[in-house]
Amino acid sequence: QATANPISFETQGPVDLTPVMRFAEAATTRTWNGTGVWTDASKWTPKGNIPGPGDDVVIAGGVCSVSNRLAVKSLAVTGGKLQVGAQGDVNAELAVAGDVTLSGGATTLGRVKTMTGHAALSAGGDLRLSNAATLTVCGGPIEGEFTFASGASSVTVGGTFALGGTSVFYPESDYLTGGSVKTVAKAFELGATATVNASERGWRWIDGDTPPDAPGIGFSYNVAGSYGGVGGGNSAGSAYGQKLAPVHPGSPNGNYSNGYKPAGGLVRIHARTMRIDGSVLADANTSQGYGGASGGGIWLTADSFDFAETAKFSATGGNSGNGQHAYWSQGGGGRIAIETGLTDGQFARLLETGKIGRKAYGEETFTNRFSGVTVDVGGGYE
């Protein structure tokens, strides 16, 4: 049997390999409750083995860490934390053949602010969040095949992606390159008290680190960031991106000690049908001095939309304190695009050129049609 199933692969340099083996057993439900790594068989019930691709998995409490890739039949997180690719230096992949049910705790793919790999969550069935559950997916760097158009990390759902209760989906952009998360689902549903929150998750400075590669960054600490709108200050960054296809997050203010302000991130969701009752946010940090960061981007496409009066879309720039200091300036507003009935050709043309040859309507027309819906892409205030 030594040569019955040979494994071969090619690398471009030295690599460290840690093979993970499990006993061949019939598929079953395996429950985690403890703190440690996924490969610790003692933390699983039944004990003595770890889950395989055919198992139904429940994370009931504690902290379960997975180094890079996880493949199971179904996944339920009822409490505790599930961290996939928590080191941030590898790709974080969560592949579920059936349903993903997050009814509690926190599930994270990648590592916030220090992600050098890319994240991918795929569910063959539904992805459902309820109660106060959270899901964070980190965008990887823009490089090679990972572009702003393609997205740098992904959430792919074969059925319905639904958020209920007070659950929150956090799409996190890469803080240096702006690589963001693209979500694709058959249907998307956002409950009235649930949130998709990319606020303060766009381009940002990290003290002592390389400046972010943000096209709208302010050129000094007291100069605001720009995106859809130009920020305040004599040397504010330039507006950038595509009005009808926002694929970038927002830009921060300029560099100065502890005056760094994170910009709004990017919410990008494509579905066949979409029901929005809750809040979709990509706001900048609320500054307490210095220049404000810009708002982020929101891009939603579907064959059909349904909006409740409780729906809210916001990508505002950061304010600049209380307006009593000459050095303070407001961040520029972000970009929001909501589009329906696009053909595959029109969608591809949007990504390439930002144009589709169809009439686009502004905020007033949209809110007149959908009474009660809130849309805000304004700059911060002084």
Protein backbone atom coordinates (compact mmCIF):
# COMPACT_ATOMS: atom_id res chain seq x y z
CA GLN A 1 0.00 0.00 0.00
CA ALA A 2 2.98 2.32 0.22
CA THR A 3 2.57 3.41 -3.40
CA ALA A 4 -1.18 2.87 -3.81
CA ASN A 5 -2.04 6.55 -3.33
CA PRO A 6 1.06 8.61 -4.03
CA ILE A 7 0.82 12.32 -3.29
CA SER A 8 2.92 14.72 -5.32
CA PHE A 9 3.03 18.50 -5.57
CA GLU A 10 5.33 21.25 -6.75
CA THR A 11 6.51 24.27 -4.81
CA GLN A 12 8.49 27.36 -5.70
CA GLY A 13 10.64 27.13 -2.60
CA PRO A 14 11.01 25.46 0.78
CA VAL A 15 7.75 24.77 2.61
CA ASP A 16 6.75 23.34 5.99
CA LEU A 17 4.16 20.58 5.84
CA THR A 18 2.04 19.34 8.72
CA PRO A 19 -0.04 16.35 7.55
CA VAL A 20 -3.40 15.93 9.29
CA MET A 21 -4.65 12.36 9.59
CA ARG A 22 -7.91 10.97 10.96
CA PHE A 23 -9.35 7.52 11.51
CA ALA A 24 -11.65 6.26 8.78
CA GLU A 25 -15.06 6.19 10.45
CA ALA A 26 -18.69 6.45 9.38
CA ALA A 27 -19.98 9.98 9.04
CA THR A 28 -21.59 11.37 12.18
CA THR A 29 -22.20 14.57 14.16
CA ARG A 30 -19.09 15.82 15.97
CA THR A 31 -19.32 18.54 18.62
CA TRP A 32 -16.53 20.84 19.83
CA ASN A 33 -16.46 22.29 23.32
CA GLY A 34 -13.09 23.46 24.57
CA THR A 35 -10.18 25.68 23.61
CA GLY A 36 -7.47 24.56 21.22
CA VAL A 37 -6.81 23.51 17.66
CA TRP A 38 -9.17 21.64 15.36
CA THR A 39 -6.83 18.65 15.18
CA ASP A 40 -7.04 17.98 18.96
CA ALA A 41 -9.27 14.88 18.99
CA SER A 42 -9.78 15.17 22.76
CA LYS A 43 -11.91 18.31 22.34
CA TRP A 44 -14.43 16.55 20.10
CA THR A 45 -17.44 14.44 21.03
CA PRO A 46 -17.37 11.54 20.22
CA LYS A 47 -13.76 11.60 21.42
CA GLY A 48 -10.81 10.07 19.67
CA ASN A 49 -11.22 11.46 16.16
CA ILE A 50 -11.58 14.73 14.30
CA PRO A 51 -14.28 15.66 11.76
CA GLY A 52 -14.01 14.73 8.11
CA PRO A 53 -15.70 16.02 4.95
CA GLY A 54 -18.77 13.83 5.53
CA ASP A 55 -19.43 14.92 9.11
CA ASP A 56 -21.92 17.38 10.55
CA VAL A 57 -19.98 19.74 12.85
CA VAL A 58 -21.21 21.74 15.85
CA ILE A 59 -19.08 24.37 17.63
CA ALA A 60 -20.83 24.65 21.01
CA GLY A 61 -18.35 26.71 23.05
CA GLY A 62 -14.75 27.62 23.70
CA VAL A 63 -12.34 28.56 20.91
CA CYS A 64 -11.64 26.29 17.95
CA SER A 65 -8.73 27.32 15.68
CA VAL A 66 -8.14 25.95 12.20
CA SER A 67 -4.79 26.67 10.56
CA ASN A 68 -5.97 27.16 7.00
CA ARG A 69 -8.65 24.90 5.43
CA LEU A 70 -11.77 23.23 6.76
CA ALA A 71 -14.14 20.97 4.77
CA VAL A 72 -17.28 19.44 6.35
CA LYS A 73 -20.81 18.35 5.39
CA SER A 74 -22.59 20.96 7.52
CA LEU A 75 -21.57 23.48 10.16
CA ALA A 76 -23.42 24.92 13.13
CA VAL A 77 -21.84 27.46 15.50
CA THR A 78 -24.03 27.80 18.59
CA GLY A 79 -21.47 29.44 20.90
CA GLY A 80 -17.81 30.21 21.38
CA LYS A 81 -15.46 31.10 18.54
CA LEU A 82 -14.46 29.42 15.28
CA GLN A 83 -11.29 30.89 13.81
CA VAL A 84 -10.20 29.74 10.34
CA GLY A 85 -6.76 30.88 9.19
CA ALA A 86 -6.32 32.91 12.36
CA GLN A 87 -2.58 33.34 11.77
CA GLY A 88 -3.37 35.45 8.71
CA ASP A 89 -0.36 34.28 6.72
CA VAL A 90 -2.20 31.50 4.85
CA ASN A 91 -5.41 31.22 2.87
CA ALA A 92 -8.45 30.76 5.10
CA GLU A 93 -10.90 28.36 3.45
CA LEU A 94 -14.19 27.09 4.86
CA ALA A 95 -15.91 24.65 2.47
CA VAL A 96 -19.30 23.30 3.57
CA ALA A 97 -21.24 20.97 1.31
CA GLY A 98 -24.58 21.73 2.94
CA ASP A 99 -25.87 24.39 5.33
CA VAL A 100 -23.97 26.80 7.60
CA THR A 101 -25.98 27.85 10.65
CA LEU A 102 -24.52 30.49 12.96
CA SER A 103 -26.87 30.97 15.91
CA GLY A 104 -24.31 32.22 18.43
CA GLY A 105 -20.67 33.04 19.01
CA ALA A 106 -18.23 34.51 16.49
CA THR A 107 -16.94 32.97 13.27
CA THR A 108 -13.89 34.55 11.62
CA LEU A 109 -12.08 33.75 8.39
CA GLY A 110 -8.61 35.28 8.22
CA ARG A 111 -7.00 37.76 10.55
CA VAL A 112 -8.05 41.37 10.80
CA LYS A 113 -5.37 43.93 9.78
CA THR A 114 -2.57 41.39 9.23
CA MET A 115 -4.01 39.19 6.47
CA THR A 116 -1.50 38.12 3.81
CA GLY A 117 -3.53 35.18 2.49
CA HIS A 118 -7.06 35.16 1.08
CA ALA A 119 -10.36 33.96 2.59
CA ALA A 120 -13.07 31.86 0.93
CA LEU A 121 -16.31 30.67 2.53
CA SER A 122 -18.53 28.41 0.43
CA ALA A 123 -21.85 26.84 1.43
CA GLY A 124 -23.64 24.49 -0.93
CA GLY A 125 -26.88 25.10 0.94
CA ASP A 126 -27.93 28.08 3.07
CA LEU A 127 -25.85 30.40 5.22
CA ARG A 128 -27.98 31.65 8.10
CA LEU A 129 -27.08 33.93 11.02
CA SER A 130 -29.45 34.45 13.94
CA ASN A 131 -29.57 35.82 17.48
CA ALA A 132 -26.34 37.81 18.13
CA ALA A 133 -24.03 35.68 15.98
CA THR A 134 -21.27 37.39 14.01
CA LEU A 135 -19.39 36.45 10.85
CA THR A 136 -16.17 38.24 9.89
CA VAL A 137 -14.49 37.59 6.52
CA CYS A 138 -11.17 39.31 5.87
CA GLY A 139 -10.15 40.56 2.45
CA GLY A 140 -6.68 39.57 1.32
CA PRO A 141 -4.20 41.71 -0.59
CA ILE A 142 -4.68 42.83 -4.19
CA GLU A 143 -2.19 40.69 -6.13
CA GLY A 144 -2.06 38.43 -9.17
CA GLU A 145 -5.51 37.01 -9.93
CA PHE A 146 -7.03 38.91 -7.00
CA THR A 147 -8.15 42.30 -8.32
CA PHE A 148 -10.68 44.91 -7.23
CA ALA A 149 -13.05 43.57 -9.92
CA SER A 150 -12.72 39.92 -8.87
CA GLY A 151 -12.56 40.56 -5.15
CA ALA A 152 -9.72 39.49 -2.89
CA SER A 153 -11.81 37.15 -0.69
CA SER A 154 -15.20 35.56 -1.25
CA VAL A 155 -18.44 34.29 0.27
CA THR A 156 -20.35 31.96 -2.07
CA VAL A 157 -23.76 30.58 -1.06
CA GLY A 158 -25.69 28.10 -3.18
CA GLY A 159 -28.95 28.85 -1.38
CA THR A 160 -30.05 31.74 0.84
CA PHE A 161 -27.71 33.99 2.82
CA ALA A 162 -29.92 35.27 5.62
CA LEU A 163 -29.24 37.44 8.68
CA GLY A 164 -31.81 37.58 11.46
CA GLY A 165 -31.97 38.72 15.08
CA THR A 166 -29.17 41.16 15.87
CA SER A 167 -26.59 39.21 13.89
CA VAL A 168 -23.83 41.03 12.02
CA PHE A 169 -21.79 40.22 8.90
CA TYR A 170 -18.46 42.08 8.90
CA PRO A 171 -16.70 42.20 5.49
CA GLU A 172 -13.19 43.46 6.25
CA SER A 173 -11.02 45.11 3.57
CA ASP A 174 -7.25 44.68 3.52
CA TYR A 175 -5.89 47.77 5.26
CA LEU A 176 -2.88 48.26 2.95
CA THR A 177 -4.08 47.29 -0.56
CA GLY A 178 -7.86 47.62 -0.19
CA GLY A 179 -8.58 44.03 -1.21
CA SER A 180 -12.21 43.35 -0.29
CA VAL A 181 -14.84 40.63 0.02
CA LYS A 182 -17.23 39.70 -2.79
CA THR A 183 -20.43 37.90 -1.76
CA VAL A 184 -22.54 35.87 -4.20
CA ALA A 185 -25.76 34.06 -3.21
CA LYS A 186 -28.94 32.74 -4.77
CA ALA A 187 -30.92 34.91 -2.37
CA PHE A 188 -29.95 37.46 0.27
CA GLU A 189 -32.16 38.45 3.21
CA LEU A 190 -31.34 41.05 5.88
CA GLY A 191 -33.68 41.26 8.87
CA ALA A 192 -34.81 44.55 10.40
CA THR A 193 -32.41 44.41 13.36
CA ALA A 194 -29.54 42.65 11.57
CA THR A 195 -26.60 44.47 9.99
CA VAL A 196 -24.00 44.20 7.28
CA ASN A 197 -21.30 46.39 8.75
CA ALA A 198 -18.18 47.50 6.87
CA SER A 199 -17.84 50.72 8.87
CA GLU A 200 -14.21 51.58 9.74
CA ARG A 201 -13.08 48.53 7.75
CA GLY A 202 -11.54 50.20 4.72
CA TRP A 203 -8.05 51.50 4.00
CA ARG A 204 -6.30 52.62 7.17
CA TRP A 205 -2.98 53.52 8.71
CA ILE A 206 -1.35 51.29 11.29
CA ASP A 207 1.15 53.08 13.54
CA GLY A 208 4.71 52.54 12.32
CA ASP A 209 3.62 50.55 9.26
CA THR A 210 3.78 51.13 5.50
CA PRO A 211 1.32 53.78 4.27
CA PRO A 212 -1.84 52.28 2.75
CA ASP A 213 -2.06 52.27 -1.05
CA ALA A 214 -5.25 54.31 -0.98
CA PRO A 215 -5.97 56.58 -3.98
CA GLY A 216 -7.95 59.10 -1.91
CA ILE A 217 -5.68 59.37 1.11
CA GLY A 218 -5.18 62.83 2.60
CA PHE A 219 -1.68 64.27 2.21
CA SER A 220 -1.33 65.42 5.80
CA TYR A 221 -2.71 64.50 9.21
CA ASN A 222 -5.24 67.30 9.15
CA VAL A 223 -6.37 66.58 5.59
CA ALA A 224 -9.39 64.37 5.00
CA GLY A 225 -9.69 61.29 2.81
CA SER A 226 -11.80 61.20 -0.35
CA TYR A 227 -13.78 58.61 -2.33
CA GLY A 228 -17.11 59.41 -4.01
CA GLY A 229 -16.81 62.94 -2.66
CA VAL A 230 -13.68 65.03 -2.07
CA GLY A 231 -12.72 65.51 1.55
CA GLY A 232 -11.92 68.79 3.22
CA GLY A 233 -8.50 70.43 3.48
CA ASN A 234 -6.23 72.10 0.95
CA SER A 235 -4.50 68.86 -0.05
CA ALA A 236 -7.28 66.32 0.27
CA GLY A 237 -7.08 63.15 -1.78
CA SER A 238 -8.83 62.86 -5.14
CA ALA A 239 -12.20 61.22 -5.75
CA TYR A 240 -11.83 57.80 -7.39
CA GLY A 241 -13.68 54.63 -8.35
CA GLN A 242 -16.75 53.96 -10.46
CA LYS A 243 -20.11 55.46 -9.62
CA LEU A 244 -22.12 52.45 -10.81
CA ALA A 245 -19.71 49.72 -9.70
CA PRO A 246 -18.07 50.54 -6.35
CA VAL A 247 -15.34 47.91 -5.90
CA HIS A 248 -13.04 49.95 -3.63
CA PRO A 249 -13.20 50.76 0.07
CA GLY A 250 -12.78 54.30 1.39
CA SER A 251 -9.50 56.16 2.05
CA PRO A 252 -8.11 57.43 5.38
CA ASN A 253 -6.88 60.85 6.40
CA GLY A 254 -3.18 61.71 6.29
CA ASN A 255 -0.46 60.41 8.57
CA TYR A 256 0.05 61.72 12.09
CA SER A 257 0.86 59.85 15.32
CA ASN A 258 -2.42 58.73 16.87
CA GLY A 259 -4.53 60.71 14.40
CA TYR A 260 -5.03 57.77 12.05
CA LYS A 261 -8.67 57.30 11.13
CA PRO A 262 -9.96 54.15 9.36
CA ALA A 263 -12.18 54.68 6.34
CA GLY A 264 -15.40 52.91 5.49
CA GLY A 265 -14.95 49.48 3.92
CA LEU A 266 -16.84 47.79 1.09
CA VAL A 267 -20.12 45.88 1.09
CA ARG A 268 -20.47 44.00 -2.20
CA ILE A 269 -23.31 41.50 -2.61
CA HIS A 270 -24.68 39.93 -5.82
CA ALA A 271 -27.83 37.77 -5.66
CA ARG A 272 -30.83 36.78 -7.74
CA THR A 273 -33.28 38.10 -5.16
CA MET A 274 -32.61 40.49 -2.29
CA ARG A 275 -34.74 41.55 0.68
CA ILE A 276 -33.34 44.39 2.82
CA ASP A 277 -35.08 45.29 6.07
CA GLY A 278 -31.97 46.16 8.13
CA SER A 279 -28.85 48.31 7.89
CA VAL A 280 -26.03 48.16 5.35
CA LEU A 281 -23.17 50.33 6.61
CA ALA A 282 -19.81 51.46 5.25
CA ASP A 283 -19.19 54.60 7.31
CA ALA A 284 -15.85 56.12 8.27
CA ASN A 285 -14.47 56.54 11.76
CA THR A 286 -15.97 59.36 13.82
CA SER A 287 -12.90 61.54 14.29
CA GLN A 288 -12.08 63.44 17.46
CA GLY A 289 -9.77 65.84 15.73
CA TYR A 290 -7.60 66.01 12.61
CA GLY A 291 -8.99 65.15 9.18
CA GLY A 292 -11.75 62.63 8.72
CA ALA A 293 -11.54 59.44 6.65
CA SER A 294 -13.86 58.92 3.71
CA GLY A 295 -16.96 56.78 3.56
CA GLY A 296 -16.72 53.38 1.92
CA GLY A 297 -18.62 51.62 -0.85
CA ILE A 298 -21.89 49.68 -1.10
CA TRP A 299 -22.65 47.73 -4.29
CA LEU A 300 -25.75 45.53 -4.45
CA THR A 301 -27.10 43.80 -7.56
CA ALA A 302 -30.10 41.48 -7.92
CA ASP A 303 -32.75 40.47 -10.43
CA SER A 304 -35.34 41.70 -7.95
CA PHE A 305 -35.25 43.79 -4.76
CA ASP A 306 -37.61 44.24 -1.85
CA PHE A 307 -36.96 47.05 0.67
CA ALA A 308 -38.73 47.63 3.98
CA GLU A 309 -39.15 51.09 5.50
CA THR A 310 -36.56 50.11 8.10
CA ALA A 311 -33.84 49.62 5.46
CA LYS A 312 -30.82 51.89 5.77
CA PHE A 313 -27.80 52.39 3.50
CA SER A 314 -24.96 54.58 4.76
CA ALA A 315 -21.43 55.33 3.52
CA THR A 316 -20.66 58.66 5.19
CA GLY A 317 -17.31 60.37 5.63
CA GLY A 318 -15.93 60.91 9.11
CA ASN A 319 -16.57 64.19 10.89
CA SER A 320 -13.67 66.22 12.21
CA GLY A 321 -14.45 66.78 15.87
CA ASN A 322 -16.50 69.75 16.99
CA GLY A 323 -15.35 72.15 14.31
CA GLN A 324 -13.49 74.52 16.63
CA HIS A 325 -9.98 73.86 15.29
CA ALA A 326 -8.57 75.24 12.04
CA TYR A 327 -6.77 71.95 11.30
CA TRP A 328 -9.89 69.82 11.21
CA SER A 329 -11.57 68.80 7.93
CA GLN A 330 -14.39 66.42 7.05
CA GLY A 331 -14.02 63.17 5.15
CA GLY A 332 -15.56 62.77 1.72
CA GLY A 333 -18.68 60.66 1.25
CA GLY A 334 -18.52 57.14 -0.17
CA ARG A 335 -20.36 55.46 -3.06
CA ILE A 336 -23.63 53.49 -3.09
CA ALA A 337 -24.94 51.65 -6.17
CA ILE A 338 -28.05 49.44 -6.16
CA GLU A 339 -28.81 47.83 -9.52
CA THR A 340 -31.39 45.41 -10.82
CA GLY A 341 -31.98 43.46 -14.01
CA LEU A 342 -28.40 43.47 -15.27
CA THR A 343 -27.52 40.98 -17.99
CA ASP A 344 -24.22 39.11 -17.74
CA GLY A 345 -22.87 41.37 -20.49
CA GLN A 346 -23.93 44.54 -18.69
CA PHE A 347 -22.42 43.31 -15.44
CA ALA A 348 -19.10 42.56 -17.16
CA ARG A 349 -19.18 45.97 -18.86
CA LEU A 350 -19.81 47.66 -15.52
CA LEU A 351 -16.72 46.04 -14.03
CA GLU A 352 -14.60 47.02 -17.02
CA THR A 353 -15.84 50.50 -17.82
CA GLY A 354 -18.23 51.60 -15.06
CA LYS A 355 -20.96 52.12 -17.69
CA ILE A 356 -23.91 50.04 -18.89
CA GLY A 357 -25.81 52.30 -21.29
CA ARG A 358 -28.87 52.52 -19.02
CA LYS A 359 -30.28 55.42 -17.10
CA ALA A 360 -29.21 55.65 -13.45
CA TYR A 361 -31.40 57.37 -10.86
CA GLY A 362 -30.22 59.38 -7.89
CA GLU A 363 -30.92 59.17 -4.18
CA GLU A 364 -34.10 61.27 -4.27
CA THR A 365 -35.75 59.13 -6.94
CA PHE A 366 -34.83 55.96 -5.04
CA THR A 367 -36.17 57.14 -1.68
CA ASN A 368 -39.33 58.50 -3.31
CA ARG A 369 -40.02 55.06 -4.78
CA PHE A 370 -39.15 53.20 -1.57
CA SER A 371 -40.74 55.31 1.14
CA GLY A 372 -38.97 55.31 4.48
CA VAL A 373 -35.68 53.86 3.22
CA THR A 374 -32.65 55.86 4.39
CA VAL A 375 -29.72 56.53 2.05
CA ASP A 376 -26.74 58.61 3.21
CA VAL A 377 -23.46 59.20 1.36
CA GLY A 378 -22.74 62.62 2.79
CA GLY A 379 -19.40 63.83 4.02
CA GLY A 380 -18.69 64.24 7.71
CA TYR A 381 -19.47 67.49 9.45
CA GLU A 382 -17.43 70.27 11.03
